[in-house]
């Protein structure tokens, strides 16, 4: 069963050791559970359920939110081909994926051009 959550894309102000730690630490110090994250070339995607509090914590620590968007969380089994099956269903529905990463508890985080179409593809 798929669920909707919030992904905050946060820029790291400098490309140096400790910046990723500072970002995720800001979320933790605010008492928020980090549901997942992915860092790619100076942009950290933070998966969170309390978006307003996370945004405030990150901005208070000097980080800039460059994008906030709804994403779909899809539980997958920890076995070969499980994620491939999910992506095949999405492809068969002709839904374009913007990005994807793995979150805690074996959940795929998927952003798409059209969230409604993505949810429909996963509900079939």
Protein backbone atom coordinates (compact mmCIF):
# COMPACT_ATOMS: atom_id res chain seq x y z
CA UNK A 1 0.00 0.00 0.00
CA UNK A 2 1.43 3.36 -1.04
CA UNK A 3 1.42 6.47 1.16
CA UNK A 4 2.16 10.13 0.42
CA UNK A 5 4.89 12.00 2.31
CA UNK A 6 6.99 15.16 1.87
CA UNK A 7 10.46 15.39 0.36
CA UNK A 8 12.48 18.52 1.14
CA UNK A 9 15.36 19.22 -1.25
CA UNK A 10 18.00 21.15 0.69
CA UNK A 11 21.19 22.67 -0.65
CA UNK A 12 24.39 22.24 1.27
CA UNK A 13 26.00 25.70 1.41
CA UNK A 14 29.51 24.26 1.09
CA UNK A 15 30.95 21.06 -0.34
CA UNK A 16 33.04 20.03 2.63
CA UNK A 17 33.10 17.36 5.33
CA UNK A 18 30.40 17.70 7.96
CA UNK A 19 27.73 19.52 5.94
CA UNK A 20 25.49 16.47 5.52
CA UNK A 21 25.90 15.72 9.21
CA UNK A 22 24.89 19.27 10.08
CA UNK A 23 21.70 19.02 7.99
CA UNK A 24 20.48 15.71 9.39
CA UNK A 25 21.53 16.77 12.89
CA UNK A 26 19.30 19.86 12.62
CA UNK A 27 16.33 17.58 11.95
CA UNK A 28 17.22 15.29 14.85
CA UNK A 29 17.77 18.15 17.31
CA UNK A 30 14.24 19.32 16.49
CA UNK A 31 12.99 15.94 17.70
CA UNK A 32 11.99 14.83 14.22
CA UNK A 33 12.46 11.34 12.84
CA UNK A 34 14.31 11.23 9.54
CA UNK A 35 12.27 8.80 7.43
CA UNK A 36 14.88 8.69 4.68
CA UNK A 37 17.43 10.78 2.83
CA UNK A 38 19.57 10.86 -0.27
CA UNK A 39 22.45 13.26 -0.95
CA UNK A 40 23.47 13.90 -4.55
CA UNK A 41 26.00 16.52 -5.57
CA UNK A 42 25.28 19.03 -2.84
CA UNK A 43 21.52 18.56 -2.63
CA UNK A 44 20.04 16.52 0.21
CA UNK A 45 16.57 15.05 -0.17
CA UNK A 46 15.02 14.68 3.27
CA UNK A 47 11.94 12.53 3.72
CA UNK A 48 9.91 13.73 6.65
CA UNK A 49 6.36 13.60 7.98
CA UNK A 50 6.48 16.95 9.83
CA UNK A 51 7.45 19.19 6.93
CA UNK A 52 6.81 22.55 8.63
CA UNK A 53 8.95 21.69 11.66
CA UNK A 54 11.70 20.21 9.47
CA UNK A 55 11.73 23.26 7.23
CA UNK A 56 12.05 25.55 10.27
CA UNK A 57 14.86 23.43 11.76
CA UNK A 58 16.82 23.31 8.51
CA UNK A 59 16.41 26.99 7.73
CA UNK A 60 17.32 27.85 11.32
CA UNK A 61 20.56 25.90 10.85
CA UNK A 62 21.39 27.93 7.73
CA UNK A 63 20.15 25.59 5.01
CA UNK A 64 18.04 26.61 2.04
CA UNK A 65 15.06 24.54 0.90
CA UNK A 66 15.12 24.57 -2.90
CA UNK A 67 12.09 22.35 -3.44
CA UNK A 68 9.33 20.80 -1.40
CA UNK A 69 7.16 18.15 -2.99
CA UNK A 70 4.85 15.31 -2.27
CA UNK A 71 6.25 11.85 -2.94
CA UNK A 72 4.82 8.36 -2.77
CA UNK A 73 6.19 5.76 -0.35
CA UNK A 74 5.94 2.19 -1.53
CA UNK A 75 6.86 -0.71 0.76
CA UNK A 76 8.99 -3.33 -0.99
CA UNK A 77 10.21 -6.73 0.09
CA UNK A 78 13.93 -7.17 0.68
CA UNK A 79 14.43 -9.61 -2.20
CA UNK A 80 15.80 -9.49 -5.75
CA UNK A 81 13.42 -7.93 -8.26
CA UNK A 82 11.02 -6.37 -5.77
CA UNK A 83 11.79 -2.75 -6.71
CA UNK A 84 11.99 -3.69 -10.39
CA UNK A 85 8.39 -4.90 -10.24
CA UNK A 86 7.24 -1.57 -8.83
CA UNK A 87 9.11 0.38 -11.49
CA UNK A 88 7.72 -1.88 -14.23
CA UNK A 89 4.15 -1.10 -13.14
CA UNK A 90 4.93 2.61 -13.23
CA UNK A 91 6.56 2.34 -16.66
CA UNK A 92 3.64 0.30 -18.02
CA UNK A 93 1.33 3.12 -16.91
CA UNK A 94 3.60 5.57 -18.78
CA UNK A 95 4.28 7.65 -15.68
CA UNK A 96 7.55 9.58 -15.69
CA UNK A 97 9.59 9.25 -12.50
CA UNK A 98 11.48 12.39 -11.44
CA UNK A 99 13.59 10.67 -8.79
CA UNK A 100 13.58 7.71 -6.46
CA UNK A 101 15.52 6.54 -3.42
CA UNK A 102 15.20 3.97 -0.67
CA UNK A 103 13.95 5.04 2.76
CA UNK A 104 13.84 3.35 6.13
CA UNK A 105 11.84 0.16 6.55
CA UNK A 106 12.35 -0.91 2.91
CA UNK A 107 10.24 1.80 1.34
CA UNK A 108 10.81 3.27 -2.09
CA UNK A 109 10.41 7.03 -2.28
CA UNK A 110 9.14 8.01 -5.71
CA UNK A 111 8.51 11.47 -7.17
CA UNK A 112 6.73 11.72 -10.49
CA UNK A 113 5.55 14.34 -12.96
CA UNK A 114 1.96 13.54 -11.93
CA UNK A 115 1.39 12.25 -8.40
CA UNK A 116 -2.18 11.18 -9.15
CA UNK A 117 -1.09 9.07 -12.11
CA UNK A 118 1.66 7.53 -10.00
CA UNK A 119 -0.77 6.59 -7.24
CA UNK A 120 -3.20 5.14 -9.80
CA UNK A 121 -0.41 3.05 -11.36
CA UNK A 122 0.47 1.62 -7.98
CA UNK A 123 -3.15 0.97 -7.00
CA UNK A 124 -3.92 -1.35 -9.90
